[in-house]
PDB file of all heavy atoms in Angstrom:
ATOM      1  N   ARG A   1       0.872  -1.223   0.018  1.00  0.00           N
ATOM      2  CA  ARG A   1       0.005  -0.007  -0.054  1.00  0.00           C
ATOM      3  C   ARG A   1       0.880   1.257   0.025  1.00  0.00           C
ATOM      4  O   ARG A   1       1.885   1.232   0.669  1.00  0.00           O
ATOM      5  CB  ARG A   1      -0.856  -0.006   1.256  1.00  0.00           C
ATOM      6  CG  ARG A   1      -1.781   1.241   1.364  1.00  0.00           C
ATOM      7  CD  ARG A   1      -2.631   1.116   2.628  1.00  0.00           C
ATOM      8  NE  ARG A   1      -3.573  -0.018   2.455  1.00  0.00           N
ATOM      9  CZ  ARG A   1      -4.395  -0.429   3.368  1.00  0.00           C
ATOM     10  NH1 ARG A   1      -4.435   0.191   4.561  1.00  0.00           N
ATOM     11  NH2 ARG A   1      -5.172  -1.454   3.257  1.00  0.00           N
ATOM     12  N   SER A   2       0.463   2.228  -0.696  1.00  0.00           N
ATOM     13  CA  SER A   2       1.235   3.497  -0.721  1.00  0.00           C
ATOM     14  C   SER A   2       1.352   4.026   0.642  1.00  0.00           C
ATOM     15  O   SER A   2       0.389   4.191   1.381  1.00  0.00           O
ATOM     16  CB  SER A   2       0.556   4.569  -1.684  1.00  0.00           C
ATOM     17  OG  SER A   2       0.506   4.083  -2.914  1.00  0.00           O
ATOM     18  N   ALA A   3       2.642   4.315   1.002  1.00  0.00           N
ATOM     19  CA  ALA A   3       2.852   4.871   2.338  1.00  0.00           C
ATOM     20  C   ALA A   3       3.369   6.261   2.219  1.00  0.00           C
ATOM     21  O   ALA A   3       4.185   6.483   1.317  1.00  0.00           O
ATOM     22  CB  ALA A   3       3.790   4.075   3.140  1.00  0.00           C
ATOM     23  N   SER A   4       2.956   7.132   3.001  1.00  0.00           N
ATOM     24  CA  SER A   4       3.366   8.560   2.959  1.00  0.00           C
ATOM     25  C   SER A   4       4.805   8.671   3.422  1.00  0.00           C
ATOM     26  O   SER A   4       5.162   8.092   4.406  1.00  0.00           O
ATOM     27  CB  SER A   4       2.544   9.500   3.776  1.00  0.00           C
ATOM     28  OG  SER A   4       1.228   9.459   3.349  1.00  0.00           O
ATOM     29  N   LEU A   5       5.628   9.301   2.550  1.00  0.00           N
ATOM     30  CA  LEU A   5       7.029   9.473   2.978  1.00  0.00           C
ATOM     31  C   LEU A   5       7.131  10.541   4.041  1.00  0.00           C
ATOM     32  O   LEU A   5       6.409  11.567   3.952  1.00  0.00           O
ATOM     33  CB  LEU A   5       7.829   9.866   1.764  1.00  0.00           C
ATOM     34  CG  LEU A   5       8.035   8.829   0.706  1.00  0.00           C
ATOM     35  CD1 LEU A   5       8.760   9.376  -0.475  1.00  0.00           C
ATOM     36  CD2 LEU A   5       8.766   7.597   1.196  1.00  0.00           C
ATOM     37  N   VAL A   6       7.937  10.289   5.009  1.00  0.00           N
ATOM     38  CA  VAL A   6       8.075  11.278   6.106  1.00  0.00           C
ATOM     39  C   VAL A   6       8.986  12.429   5.629  1.00  0.00           C
ATOM     40  O   VAL A   6      10.133  12.136   5.227  1.00  0.00           O
ATOM     41  CB  VAL A   6       8.704  10.636   7.324  1.00  0.00           C
ATOM     42  CG1 VAL A   6       8.907  11.612   8.442  1.00  0.00           C
ATOM     43  CG2 VAL A   6       7.843   9.448   7.832  1.00  0.00           C
ATOM     44  N   ALA A   7       8.486  13.589   5.580  1.00  0.00           N
ATOM     45  CA  ALA A   7       9.271  14.742   5.093  1.00  0.00           C
ATOM     46  C   ALA A   7      10.357  15.077   6.100  1.00  0.00           C
ATOM     47  O   ALA A   7      10.185  14.958   7.294  1.00  0.00           O
ATOM     48  CB  ALA A   7       8.380  15.945   4.826  1.00  0.00           C
ATOM     49  N   SER A   8      11.489  15.565   5.554  1.00  0.00           N
ATOM     50  CA  SER A   8      12.553  16.061   6.476  1.00  0.00           C
ATOM     51  C   SER A   8      12.110  17.250   7.186  1.00  0.00           C
ATOM     52  O   SER A   8      11.317  18.118   6.698  1.00  0.00           O
ATOM     53  CB  SER A   8      13.800  16.434   5.594  1.00  0.00           C
ATOM     54  OG  SER A   8      14.224  15.282   4.948  1.00  0.00           O
ATOM     55  N   ALA A   9      12.517  17.462   8.404  1.00  0.00           N
ATOM     56  CA  ALA A   9      12.145  18.632   9.207  1.00  0.00           C
ATOM     57  C   ALA A   9      12.578  19.877   8.504  1.00  0.00           C
ATOM     58  O   ALA A   9      13.697  20.020   8.135  1.00  0.00           O
ATOM     59  CB  ALA A   9      12.780  18.506  10.633  1.00  0.00           C
ATOM     60  N   ALA A  10      11.597  20.826   8.434  1.00  0.00           N
ATOM     61  CA  ALA A  10      11.968  22.051   7.716  1.00  0.00           C
ATOM     62  C   ALA A  10      12.798  23.038   8.552  1.00  0.00           C
ATOM     63  O   ALA A  10      12.634  23.075   9.750  1.00  0.00           O
ATOM     64  CB  ALA A  10      10.637  22.840   7.329  1.00  0.00           C
ATOM     65  N   ALA A  11      13.691  23.696   7.879  1.00  0.00           N
ATOM     66  CA  ALA A  11      14.593  24.604   8.540  1.00  0.00           C
ATOM     67  C   ALA A  11      13.784  25.842   8.994  1.00  0.00           C
ATOM     68  O   ALA A  11      12.815  26.216   8.396  1.00  0.00           O
ATOM     69  CB  ALA A  11      15.715  25.083   7.618  1.00  0.00           C
ATOM     70  N   VAL A  12      14.107  26.390  10.136  1.00  0.00           N
ATOM     71  CA  VAL A  12      13.432  27.520  10.675  1.00  0.00           C
ATOM     72  C   VAL A  12      13.909  28.726   9.912  1.00  0.00           C
ATOM     73  O   VAL A  12      15.095  29.043   9.884  1.00  0.00           O
ATOM     74  CB  VAL A  12      13.677  27.650  12.165  1.00  0.00           C
ATOM     75  CG1 VAL A  12      12.852  28.797  12.704  1.00  0.00           C
ATOM     76  CG2 VAL A  12      13.351  26.410  12.852  1.00  0.00           C
ATOM     77  N   LEU A  13      12.945  29.532   9.245  1.00  0.00           N
ATOM     78  CA  LEU A  13      13.374  30.663   8.448  1.00  0.00           C
ATOM     79  C   LEU A  13      13.037  31.962   9.069  1.00  0.00           C
ATOM     80  O   LEU A  13      12.000  32.141   9.674  1.00  0.00           O
ATOM     81  CB  LEU A  13      12.646  30.511   7.054  1.00  0.00           C
ATOM     82  CG  LEU A  13      12.944  29.201   6.259  1.00  0.00           C
ATOM     83  CD1 LEU A  13      12.107  29.223   4.972  1.00  0.00           C
ATOM     84  CD2 LEU A  13      14.399  29.130   5.930  1.00  0.00           C
ATOM     85  N   ALA A  14      14.020  32.888   8.848  1.00  0.00           N
ATOM     86  CA  ALA A  14      13.819  34.304   9.301  1.00  0.00           C
ATOM     87  C   ALA A  14      13.320  34.460  10.700  1.00  0.00           C
ATOM     88  O   ALA A  14      12.412  35.173  10.943  1.00  0.00           O
ATOM     89  CB  ALA A  14      12.882  34.979   8.250  1.00  0.00           C
ATOM     90  N   LEU A  15      13.979  33.762  11.581  1.00  0.00           N
ATOM     91  CA  LEU A  15      13.594  33.922  12.978  1.00  0.00           C
ATOM     92  C   LEU A  15      14.650  34.703  13.681  1.00  0.00           C
ATOM     93  O   LEU A  15      15.748  34.296  14.037  1.00  0.00           O
ATOM     94  CB  LEU A  15      13.571  32.510  13.648  1.00  0.00           C
ATOM     95  CG  LEU A  15      12.209  32.062  14.178  1.00  0.00           C
ATOM     96  CD1 LEU A  15      12.307  30.643  14.796  1.00  0.00           C
ATOM     97  CD2 LEU A  15      11.749  33.017  15.329  1.00  0.00           C
ATOM     98  N   THR A  16      14.342  35.994  13.949  1.00  0.00           N
ATOM     99  CA  THR A  16      15.260  36.855  14.625  1.00  0.00           C
ATOM    100  C   THR A  16      15.362  36.421  16.106  1.00  0.00           C
ATOM    101  O   THR A  16      14.360  36.278  16.700  1.00  0.00           O
ATOM    102  CB  THR A  16      14.862  38.337  14.567  1.00  0.00           C
ATOM    103  OG1 THR A  16      14.706  38.633  13.166  1.00  0.00           O
ATOM    104  CG2 THR A  16      15.846  39.194  15.214  1.00  0.00           C
ATOM    105  N   THR A  17      16.560  36.235  16.567  1.00  0.00           N
ATOM    106  CA  THR A  17      16.682  35.735  17.914  1.00  0.00           C
ATOM    107  C   THR A  17      17.756  36.540  18.699  1.00  0.00           C
ATOM    108  O   THR A  17      18.393  37.433  18.173  1.00  0.00           O
ATOM    109  CB  THR A  17      17.185  34.256  17.948  1.00  0.00           C
ATOM    110  OG1 THR A  17      18.555  34.271  17.546  1.00  0.00           O
ATOM    111  CG2 THR A  17      16.395  33.419  16.944  1.00  0.00           C
ATOM    112  N   ALA A  18      17.879  36.162  20.009  1.00  0.00           N
ATOM    113  CA  ALA A  18      18.849  36.828  20.835  1.00  0.00           C
ATOM    114  C   ALA A  18      20.259  36.375  20.555  1.00  0.00           C
ATOM    115  O   ALA A  18      21.174  36.871  21.149  1.00  0.00           O
ATOM    116  CB  ALA A  18      18.545  36.541  22.276  1.00  0.00           C
ATOM    117  N   CYS A  19      20.406  35.406  19.576  1.00  0.00           N
ATOM    118  CA  CYS A  19      21.724  34.925  19.260  1.00  0.00           C
ATOM    119  C   CYS A  19      22.555  35.901  18.381  1.00  0.00           C
ATOM    120  O   CYS A  19      23.705  35.654  18.088  1.00  0.00           O
ATOM    121  CB  CYS A  19      21.613  33.570  18.539  1.00  0.00           C
ATOM    122  SG  CYS A  19      20.670  32.387  19.400  1.00  0.00           S
ATOM    123  N   GLY A  20      21.871  36.879  17.879  1.00  0.00           N
ATOM    124  CA  GLY A  20      22.594  37.897  17.038  1.00  0.00           C
ATOM    125  C   GLY A  20      22.602  37.517  15.582  1.00  0.00           C
ATOM    126  O   GLY A  20      23.380  38.073  14.790  1.00  0.00           O
ATOM    127  N   GLN A  21      21.745  36.606  15.154  1.00  0.00           N
ATOM    128  CA  GLN A  21      21.652  36.270  13.766  1.00  0.00           C
ATOM    129  C   GLN A  21      20.296  35.660  13.474  1.00  0.00           C
ATOM    130  O   GLN A  21      19.487  35.392  14.349  1.00  0.00           O
ATOM    131  CB  GLN A  21      22.729  35.210  13.331  1.00  0.00           C
ATOM    132  CG  GLN A  21      22.413  33.822  13.973  1.00  0.00           C
ATOM    133  CD  GLN A  21      23.357  32.794  13.375  1.00  0.00           C
ATOM    134  OE1 GLN A  21      24.595  32.888  13.505  1.00  0.00           O
ATOM    135  NE2 GLN A  21      22.814  31.813  12.773  1.00  0.00           N
ATOM    136  N   GLU A  22      19.962  35.486  12.187  1.00  0.00           N
ATOM    137  CA  GLU A  22      18.739  34.933  11.773  1.00  0.00           C
ATOM    138  C   GLU A  22      18.995  33.473  11.403  1.00  0.00           C
ATOM    139  O   GLU A  22      20.108  33.075  11.028  1.00  0.00           O
ATOM    140  CB  GLU A  22      18.141  35.663  10.556  1.00  0.00           C
ATOM    141  CG  GLU A  22      17.670  37.055  10.906  1.00  0.00           C
ATOM    142  CD  GLU A  22      16.925  37.743   9.765  1.00  0.00           C
ATOM    143  OE1 GLU A  22      17.098  37.238   8.637  1.00  0.00           O
ATOM    144  OE2 GLU A  22      16.241  38.662  10.004  1.00  0.00           O
ATOM    145  N   SER A  23      17.953  32.631  11.535  1.00  0.00           N
ATOM    146  CA  SER A  23      17.996  31.242  11.196  1.00  0.00           C
ATOM    147  C   SER A  23      18.467  31.070   9.766  1.00  0.00           C
ATOM    148  O   SER A  23      18.058  31.808   8.891  1.00  0.00           O
ATOM    149  CB  SER A  23      16.610  30.578  11.342  1.00  0.00           C
ATOM    150  OG  SER A  23      16.576  29.311  10.788  1.00  0.00           O
ATOM    151  N   GLY A  24      19.285  30.023   9.506  1.00  0.00           N
ATOM    152  CA  GLY A  24      19.723  29.722   8.183  1.00  0.00           C
ATOM    153  C   GLY A  24      21.059  30.324   7.812  1.00  0.00           C
ATOM    154  O   GLY A  24      21.574  30.053   6.810  1.00  0.00           O
ATOM    155  N   THR A  25      21.573  31.233   8.597  1.00  0.00           N
ATOM    156  CA  THR A  25      22.827  31.808   8.334  1.00  0.00           C
ATOM    157  C   THR A  25      23.956  30.975   8.941  1.00  0.00           C
ATOM    158  O   THR A  25      23.798  30.267   9.886  1.00  0.00           O
ATOM    159  CB  THR A  25      22.895  33.229   8.842  1.00  0.00           C
ATOM    160  OG1 THR A  25      22.730  33.206  10.243  1.00  0.00           O
ATOM    161  CG2 THR A  25      21.916  34.145   8.256  1.00  0.00           C
ATOM    162  N   SER A  26      25.067  31.098   8.331  1.00  0.00           N
ATOM    163  CA  SER A  26      26.206  30.236   8.773  1.00  0.00           C
ATOM    164  C   SER A  26      26.798  30.783  10.032  1.00  0.00           C
ATOM    165  O   SER A  26      26.941  31.951  10.207  1.00  0.00           O
ATOM    166  CB  SER A  26      27.352  30.190   7.739  1.00  0.00           C
ATOM    167  OG  SER A  26      26.857  29.599   6.524  1.00  0.00           O
ATOM    168  N   ALA A  27      27.166  29.860  11.024  1.00  0.00           N
ATOM    169  CA  ALA A  27      27.747  30.222  12.247  1.00  0.00           C
ATOM    170  C   ALA A  27      29.241  30.519  11.989  1.00  0.00           C
ATOM    171  O   ALA A  27      29.813  29.997  11.050  1.00  0.00           O
ATOM    172  CB  ALA A  27      27.570  29.182  13.288  1.00  0.00           C
ATOM    173  N   SER A  28      29.769  31.338  12.853  1.00  0.00           N
ATOM    174  CA  SER A  28      31.241  31.571  12.767  1.00  0.00           C
ATOM    175  C   SER A  28      32.011  30.300  12.988  1.00  0.00           C
ATOM    176  O   SER A  28      31.614  29.416  13.759  1.00  0.00           O
ATOM    177  CB  SER A  28      31.639  32.537  13.885  1.00  0.00           C
ATOM    178  OG  SER A  28      30.890  33.754  13.760  1.00  0.00           O
ATOM    179  N   VAL A  29      33.101  30.136  12.276  1.00  0.00           N
ATOM    180  CA  VAL A  29      33.918  28.992  12.365  1.00  0.00           C
ATOM    181  C   VAL A  29      34.676  28.931  13.677  1.00  0.00           C
ATOM    182  O   VAL A  29      35.459  29.810  13.924  1.00  0.00           O
ATOM    183  CB  VAL A  29      34.825  28.858  11.180  1.00  0.00           C
ATOM    184  CG1 VAL A  29      35.682  27.566  11.270  1.00  0.00           C
ATOM    185  CG2 VAL A  29      34.068  28.871   9.802  1.00  0.00           C
TER     186      VAL A  29
END
């Protein structure tokens, strides 16, 4: 029977936080 594929968890977009950056941007190395 056709089974629904489990989608990968979506990245959190454009969430301004107290971390000093928005979601999806690269962290400092």
